[in-house]
Amino acid sequence: MSSLIVLCPHCLTWVEPHAQCCTECGGSANTDENDPASELLAARLGTRLLDLGPVKLLRRGWPACGQLLATTKGLLFIPRFTIQPSGAMEATTDETPGPSNRVAHLFHWWSIPPWRRPVDEVVPISPDTAAGPPIPVLDLLLDSPGGFFIQRSSIQRISLRWGRAYIERPPSRSVTLAQWGSTTMREALRLLIESHDWRSLVTGL
């Protein structure tokens, strides 16, 4: 299997394509095609509404711990990374302290060997804690290999069961989120239903 990852132009999720197809939504993910215009991508991601806090995305093979943001068009999962003493980037795990979490720029995280990755080319992932204005949603996604976007129009229901949030979006696979850090999934979903656009989708509170 190829080690090349791309941002799927259809579901806006970082994937490792198989036979030029997105493994998440099945759409074409031809690495030879140009990326959609930035203006189009930004419009599809929508405007940032809420920072729902740290969560754990239960899936295999990709970074699992990160930040969940709600926009006017969907939910954006931004994985977190930690800088190692060598300068290498490592996906944050349950055991990794939160304050050192970072997101690497794509080309430095994915294609440059760890011993050649300069530490000063890493940016903070949290728009709220970073100095200066919040990082645009599009920039967060583009600079976050392993990022995951769920379109609000594709969501049938978000339910809370046994402390986990289940995002149902048939015919695509459901997505499960668990607590990571001090914020519980119940607290995160309560924040979400404060937005009129999301209120009707959340159940089980």
C-alpha atoms as a PDB file:
ATOM      1  CA  MET A   1       0.000   0.000   0.000  1.00  0.00           C
ATOM      2  CA  SER A   2       1.246   3.476  -0.814  1.00  0.00           C
ATOM      3  CA  SER A   3       2.429   5.655   2.051  1.00  0.00           C
ATOM      4  CA  LEU A   4       1.199   8.790   0.294  1.00  0.00           C
ATOM      5  CA  ILE A   5      -1.645  10.608   2.008  1.00  0.00           C
ATOM      6  CA  VAL A   6      -3.900  13.215   0.458  1.00  0.00           C
ATOM      7  CA  LEU A   7      -6.792  15.424   1.439  1.00  0.00           C
ATOM      8  CA  CYS A   8      -9.859  13.918  -0.232  1.00  0.00           C
ATOM      9  CA  PRO A   9     -11.587  16.678  -2.259  1.00  0.00           C
ATOM     10  CA  HIS A  10     -14.999  15.072  -1.602  1.00  0.00           C
ATOM     11  CA  CYS A  11     -15.157  14.407   2.153  1.00  0.00           C
ATOM     12  CA  LEU A  12     -12.255  16.706   3.167  1.00  0.00           C
ATOM     13  CA  THR A  13     -10.575  13.978   5.194  1.00  0.00           C
ATOM     14  CA  TRP A  14      -6.906  13.035   5.091  1.00  0.00           C
ATOM     15  CA  VAL A  15      -6.696   9.505   3.700  1.00  0.00           C
ATOM     16  CA  GLU A  16      -4.272   7.010   2.214  1.00  0.00           C
ATOM     17  CA  PRO A  17      -5.995   6.384  -1.151  1.00  0.00           C
ATOM     18  CA  HIS A  18      -6.442   2.893  -2.531  1.00  0.00           C
ATOM     19  CA  ALA A  19      -6.651   2.492  -6.323  1.00  0.00           C
ATOM     20  CA  GLN A  20      -7.027   6.290  -6.607  1.00  0.00           C
ATOM     21  CA  CYS A  21     -10.135   6.187  -4.405  1.00  0.00           C
ATOM     22  CA  CYS A  22     -10.763   7.668  -0.976  1.00  0.00           C
ATOM     23  CA  THR A  23     -10.946   4.931   1.659  1.00  0.00           C
ATOM     24  CA  GLU A  24     -13.381   7.029   3.678  1.00  0.00           C
ATOM     25  CA  CYS A  25     -16.061   8.066   1.182  1.00  0.00           C
ATOM     26  CA  GLY A  26     -15.161   6.102  -1.975  1.00  0.00           C
ATOM     27  CA  GLY A  27     -14.756   9.225  -4.100  1.00  0.00           C
ATOM     28  CA  SER A  28     -11.934   9.774  -6.564  1.00  0.00           C
ATOM     29  CA  ALA A  29      -8.674  10.732  -4.862  1.00  0.00           C
ATOM     30  CA  ASN A  30      -6.296  11.054  -7.787  1.00  0.00           C
ATOM     31  CA  THR A  31      -2.991  12.375  -6.507  1.00  0.00           C
ATOM     32  CA  ASP A  32      -2.189  13.820  -9.948  1.00  0.00           C
ATOM     33  CA  GLU A  33      -5.178  16.180  -9.911  1.00  0.00           C
ATOM     34  CA  ASN A  34      -4.939  19.734  -8.652  1.00  0.00           C
ATOM     35  CA  ASP A  35      -6.475  20.576  -5.306  1.00  0.00           C
ATOM     36  CA  PRO A  36      -9.776  22.485  -5.335  1.00  0.00           C
ATOM     37  CA  ALA A  37      -9.510  26.247  -4.963  1.00  0.00           C
ATOM     38  CA  SER A  38      -8.921  27.473  -1.425  1.00  0.00           C
ATOM     39  CA  GLU A  39     -12.061  29.611  -1.577  1.00  0.00           C
ATOM     40  CA  LEU A  40     -14.176  26.560  -2.394  1.00  0.00           C
ATOM     41  CA  LEU A  41     -12.625  24.477   0.378  1.00  0.00           C
ATOM     42  CA  ALA A  42     -13.117  27.255   2.914  1.00  0.00           C
ATOM     43  CA  ALA A  43     -16.781  27.607   1.934  1.00  0.00           C
ATOM     44  CA  ARG A  44     -17.362  23.876   2.349  1.00  0.00           C
ATOM     45  CA  LEU A  45     -15.737  23.864   5.796  1.00  0.00           C
ATOM     46  CA  GLY A  46     -17.867  26.773   6.952  1.00  0.00           C
ATOM     47  CA  THR A  47     -17.273  29.314   9.687  1.00  0.00           C
ATOM     48  CA  ARG A  48     -15.901  28.252  13.046  1.00  0.00           C
ATOM     49  CA  LEU A  49     -18.527  28.210  15.788  1.00  0.00           C
ATOM     50  CA  LEU A  50     -17.243  26.371  18.856  1.00  0.00           C
ATOM     51  CA  ASP A  51     -14.202  24.672  20.296  1.00  0.00           C
ATOM     52  CA  LEU A  52     -15.686  21.500  21.788  1.00  0.00           C
ATOM     53  CA  GLY A  53     -12.491  20.522  23.567  1.00  0.00           C
ATOM     54  CA  PRO A  54     -10.066  17.586  23.431  1.00  0.00           C
ATOM     55  CA  VAL A  55     -11.468  14.251  22.255  1.00  0.00           C
ATOM     56  CA  LYS A  56     -10.274  10.834  21.219  1.00  0.00           C
ATOM     57  CA  LEU A  57     -11.325   9.629  17.792  1.00  0.00           C
ATOM     58  CA  LEU A  58     -11.725   5.848  17.962  1.00  0.00           C
ATOM     59  CA  ARG A  59     -10.214   4.594  14.742  1.00  0.00           C
ATOM     60  CA  ARG A  60      -7.191   2.548  13.737  1.00  0.00           C
ATOM     61  CA  GLY A  61      -4.119   3.595  11.850  1.00  0.00           C
ATOM     62  CA  TRP A  62      -4.351   7.374  12.298  1.00  0.00           C
ATOM     63  CA  PRO A  63      -3.703   9.892  15.080  1.00  0.00           C
ATOM     64  CA  ALA A  64      -6.530   9.534  17.584  1.00  0.00           C
ATOM     65  CA  CYS A  65      -6.166  12.325  20.149  1.00  0.00           C
ATOM     66  CA  GLY A  66      -6.904  15.898  19.217  1.00  0.00           C
ATOM     67  CA  GLN A  67      -9.249  18.856  19.249  1.00  0.00           C
ATOM     68  CA  LEU A  68     -12.844  18.916  18.026  1.00  0.00           C
ATOM     69  CA  LEU A  69     -14.204  22.082  16.425  1.00  0.00           C
ATOM     70  CA  ALA A  70     -17.752  22.788  15.310  1.00  0.00           C
ATOM     71  CA  THR A  71     -18.328  24.936  12.228  1.00  0.00           C
ATOM     72  CA  THR A  72     -21.444  26.045  10.398  1.00  0.00           C
ATOM     73  CA  LYS A  73     -20.917  23.153   7.963  1.00  0.00           C
ATOM     74  CA  GLY A  74     -19.625  20.291  10.095  1.00  0.00           C
ATOM     75  CA  LEU A  75     -17.301  18.909  12.737  1.00  0.00           C
ATOM     76  CA  LEU A  76     -13.543  19.190  12.315  1.00  0.00           C
ATOM     77  CA  PHE A  77     -11.136  16.896  14.177  1.00  0.00           C
ATOM     78  CA  ILE A  78      -7.592  18.264  14.407  1.00  0.00           C
ATOM     79  CA  PRO A  79      -5.055  15.687  15.657  1.00  0.00           C
ATOM     80  CA  ARG A  80      -2.344  16.719  18.072  1.00  0.00           C
ATOM     81  CA  PHE A  81       1.353  15.953  17.878  1.00  0.00           C
ATOM     82  CA  THR A  82       4.242  16.178  20.308  1.00  0.00           C
ATOM     83  CA  ILE A  83       7.748  17.400  19.574  1.00  0.00           C
ATOM     84  CA  GLN A  84      10.368  14.869  20.579  1.00  0.00           C
ATOM     85  CA  PRO A  85      13.883  15.949  21.726  1.00  0.00           C
ATOM     86  CA  SER A  86      15.204  14.939  18.301  1.00  0.00           C
ATOM     87  CA  GLY A  87      12.710  17.239  16.615  1.00  0.00           C
ATOM     88  CA  ALA A  88      10.606  14.330  15.367  1.00  0.00           C
ATOM     89  CA  MET A  89       6.817  14.617  15.400  1.00  0.00           C
ATOM     90  CA  GLU A  90       4.837  11.947  17.239  1.00  0.00           C
ATOM     91  CA  ALA A  91       1.071  11.584  17.364  1.00  0.00           C
ATOM     92  CA  THR A  92      -0.213  12.415  20.835  1.00  0.00           C
ATOM     93  CA  THR A  93      -1.506   9.485  22.862  1.00  0.00           C
ATOM     94  CA  ASP A  94      -3.457   9.189  26.103  1.00  0.00           C
ATOM     95  CA  GLU A  95      -0.173   9.235  27.992  1.00  0.00           C
ATOM     96  CA  THR A  96       1.216  12.374  26.326  1.00  0.00           C
ATOM     97  CA  PRO A  97       1.009  15.602  28.363  1.00  0.00           C
ATOM     98  CA  GLY A  98      -1.340  18.109  26.761  1.00  0.00           C
ATOM     99  CA  PRO A  99       0.685  21.382  26.982  1.00  0.00           C
ATOM    100  CA  SER A 100       3.371  20.145  24.572  1.00  0.00           C
ATOM    101  CA  ASN A 101       0.957  19.211  21.809  1.00  0.00           C
ATOM    102  CA  ARG A 102       1.763  20.637  18.381  1.00  0.00           C
ATOM    103  CA  VAL A 103       0.719  20.317  14.745  1.00  0.00           C
ATOM    104  CA  ALA A 104       3.428  20.095  12.111  1.00  0.00           C
ATOM    105  CA  HIS A 105       3.187  21.574   8.663  1.00  0.00           C
ATOM    106  CA  LEU A 106       2.333  18.798   6.195  1.00  0.00           C
ATOM    107  CA  PHE A 107       5.558  18.547   4.268  1.00  0.00           C
ATOM    108  CA  HIS A 108       7.722  18.565   7.358  1.00  0.00           C
ATOM    109  CA  TRP A 109       5.622  16.010   9.261  1.00  0.00           C
ATOM    110  CA  TRP A 110       5.054  13.518   6.477  1.00  0.00           C
ATOM    111  CA  SER A 111       7.989  13.629   4.054  1.00  0.00           C
ATOM    112  CA  ILE A 112      11.063  14.932   5.913  1.00  0.00           C
ATOM    113  CA  PRO A 113      13.083  12.475   8.019  1.00  0.00           C
ATOM    114  CA  PRO A 114      12.831  13.108  11.790  1.00  0.00           C
ATOM    115  CA  TRP A 115      16.493  14.095  12.089  1.00  0.00           C
ATOM    116  CA  ARG A 116      15.953  16.917   9.548  1.00  0.00           C
ATOM    117  CA  ARG A 117      12.701  18.374  10.890  1.00  0.00           C
ATOM    118  CA  PRO A 118      13.338  21.874  12.286  1.00  0.00           C
ATOM    119  CA  VAL A 119      11.472  22.591  15.485  1.00  0.00           C
ATOM    120  CA  ASP A 120      10.872  26.247  14.591  1.00  0.00           C
ATOM    121  CA  GLU A 121       8.635  25.247  11.674  1.00  0.00           C
ATOM    122  CA  VAL A 122       5.935  23.870  13.962  1.00  0.00           C
ATOM    123  CA  VAL A 123       2.800  25.849  14.816  1.00  0.00           C
ATOM    124  CA  PRO A 124       0.420  25.517  17.790  1.00  0.00           C
ATOM    125  CA  ILE A 125      -2.779  23.679  16.963  1.00  0.00           C
ATOM    126  CA  SER A 126      -5.106  25.443  19.342  1.00  0.00           C
ATOM    127  CA  PRO A 127      -6.516  28.661  17.862  1.00  0.00           C
ATOM    128  CA  ASP A 128      -7.652  29.792  21.299  1.00  0.00           C
ATOM    129  CA  THR A 129      -4.342  29.439  23.098  1.00  0.00           C
ATOM    130  CA  ALA A 130      -2.074  30.606  20.291  1.00  0.00           C
ATOM    131  CA  ALA A 131      -0.843  34.187  20.328  1.00  0.00           C
ATOM    132  CA  GLY A 132      -2.533  36.421  17.794  1.00  0.00           C
ATOM    133  CA  PRO A 133      -5.771  35.837  15.865  1.00  0.00           C
ATOM    134  CA  PRO A 134      -7.320  32.345  15.596  1.00  0.00           C
ATOM    135  CA  ILE A 135      -5.920  30.127  12.875  1.00  0.00           C
ATOM    136  CA  PRO A 136      -8.404  29.835   9.963  1.00  0.00           C
ATOM    137  CA  VAL A 137     -10.284  26.541   9.797  1.00  0.00           C
ATOM    138  CA  LEU A 138      -8.901  25.743   6.338  1.00  0.00           C
ATOM    139  CA  ASP A 139      -5.315  26.279   7.477  1.00  0.00           C
ATOM    140  CA  LEU A 140      -5.874  23.994  10.456  1.00  0.00           C
ATOM    141  CA  LEU A 141      -7.080  21.195   8.189  1.00  0.00           C
ATOM    142  CA  LEU A 142      -4.426  21.645   5.513  1.00  0.00           C
ATOM    143  CA  ASP A 143      -1.633  21.644   8.093  1.00  0.00           C
ATOM    144  CA  SER A 144      -2.978  18.588   9.942  1.00  0.00           C
ATOM    145  CA  PRO A 145      -2.294  15.200   8.327  1.00  0.00           C
ATOM    146  CA  GLY A 146      -4.790  12.870   9.935  1.00  0.00           C
ATOM    147  CA  GLY A 147      -7.433  15.588  10.134  1.00  0.00           C
ATOM    148  CA  PHE A 148     -11.035  14.485   9.789  1.00  0.00           C
ATOM    149  CA  PHE A 149     -14.077  16.484   8.646  1.00  0.00           C
ATOM    150  CA  ILE A 150     -17.693  15.384   9.006  1.00  0.00           C
ATOM    151  CA  GLN A 151     -20.232  17.356   6.991  1.00  0.00           C
ATOM    152  CA  ARG A 152     -23.268  18.363   9.018  1.00  0.00           C
ATOM    153  CA  SER A 153     -25.549  17.546   6.081  1.00  0.00           C
ATOM    154  CA  SER A 154     -24.337  13.921   6.188  1.00  0.00           C
ATOM    155  CA  ILE A 155     -25.115  13.431   9.892  1.00  0.00           C
ATOM    156  CA  GLN A 156     -28.330  11.655  10.746  1.00  0.00           C
ATOM    157  CA  ARG A 157     -27.891  11.734  14.512  1.00  0.00           C
ATOM    158  CA  ILE A 158     -25.338  12.314  17.278  1.00  0.00           C
ATOM    159  CA  SER A 159     -26.123  10.252  20.358  1.00  0.00           C
ATOM    160  CA  LEU A 160     -24.471   9.891  23.747  1.00  0.00           C
ATOM    161  CA  ARG A 161     -24.136   6.371  25.147  1.00  0.00           C
ATOM    162  CA  TRP A 162     -21.878   5.198  27.955  1.00  0.00           C
ATOM    163  CA  GLY A 163     -19.911   8.428  27.853  1.00  0.00           C
ATOM    164  CA  ARG A 164     -19.171   8.215  24.136  1.00  0.00           C
ATOM    165  CA  ALA A 165     -20.552  10.240  21.254  1.00  0.00           C
ATOM    166  CA  TYR A 166     -21.744   8.228  18.253  1.00  0.00           C
ATOM    167  CA  ILE A 167     -22.063  10.145  14.997  1.00  0.00           C
ATOM    168  CA  GLU A 168     -24.326   8.288  12.589  1.00  0.00           C
ATOM    169  CA  ARG A 169     -24.028   9.242   8.915  1.00  0.00           C
ATOM    170  CA  PRO A 170     -25.444   6.509   6.668  1.00  0.00           C
ATOM    171  CA  PRO A 171     -24.382   5.096   4.294  1.00  0.00           C
ATOM    172  CA  SER A 172     -20.895   6.063   5.529  1.00  0.00           C
ATOM    173  CA  ARG A 173     -19.369   4.508   8.614  1.00  0.00           C
ATOM    174  CA  SER A 174     -20.336   5.882  11.996  1.00  0.00           C
ATOM    175  CA  VAL A 175     -17.738   7.843  13.944  1.00  0.00           C
ATOM    176  CA  THR A 176     -17.144   7.345  17.664  1.00  0.00           C
ATOM    177  CA  LEU A 177     -15.650   9.979  19.948  1.00  0.00           C
ATOM    178  CA  ALA A 178     -14.493   9.409  23.518  1.00  0.00           C
ATOM    179  CA  GLN A 179     -13.319  11.674  26.307  1.00  0.00           C
ATOM    180  CA  TRP A 180      -9.705  12.803  26.272  1.00  0.00           C
ATOM    181  CA  GLY A 181      -8.716  15.303  28.930  1.00  0.00           C
ATOM    182  CA  SER A 182     -10.961  17.034  31.428  1.00  0.00           C
ATOM    183  CA  THR A 183     -13.945  17.715  29.155  1.00  0.00           C
ATOM    184  CA  THR A 184     -16.523  14.914  29.006  1.00  0.00           C
ATOM    185  CA  MET A 185     -18.432  14.094  25.830  1.00  0.00           C
ATOM    186  CA  ARG A 186     -21.652  15.132  27.579  1.00  0.00           C
ATOM    187  CA  GLU A 187     -20.169  18.573  28.238  1.00  0.00           C
ATOM    188  CA  ALA A 188     -18.958  18.830  24.654  1.00  0.00           C
ATOM    189  CA  LEU A 189     -22.381  17.949  23.235  1.00  0.00           C
ATOM    190  CA  ARG A 190     -24.077  20.392  25.574  1.00  0.00           C
ATOM    191  CA  LEU A 191     -21.883  23.083  24.082  1.00  0.00           C
ATOM    192  CA  LEU A 192     -22.849  21.891  20.612  1.00  0.00           C
ATOM    193  CA  ILE A 193     -26.589  22.136  21.157  1.00  0.00           C
ATOM    194  CA  GLU A 194     -26.201  25.796  22.068  1.00  0.00           C
ATOM    195  CA  SER A 195     -25.978  26.331  18.318  1.00  0.00           C
ATOM    196  CA  HIS A 196     -29.369  26.302  16.605  1.00  0.00           C
ATOM    197  CA  ASP A 197     -27.911  24.540  13.546  1.00  0.00           C
ATOM    198  CA  TRP A 198     -26.808  21.544  15.626  1.00  0.00           C
ATOM    199  CA  ARG A 199     -29.546  21.285  18.252  1.00  0.00           C
ATOM    200  CA  SER A 200     -31.844  18.940  16.325  1.00  0.00           C
ATOM    201  CA  LEU A 201     -29.061  16.407  15.642  1.00  0.00           C
ATOM    202  CA  VAL A 202     -27.993  15.689  19.236  1.00  0.00           C
ATOM    203  CA  THR A 203     -29.858  13.123  21.335  1.00  0.00           C
ATOM    204  CA  GLY A 204     -29.308  11.250  24.586  1.00  0.00           C
ATOM    205  CA  LEU A 205     -28.512  14.192  26.854  1.00  0.00           C
END
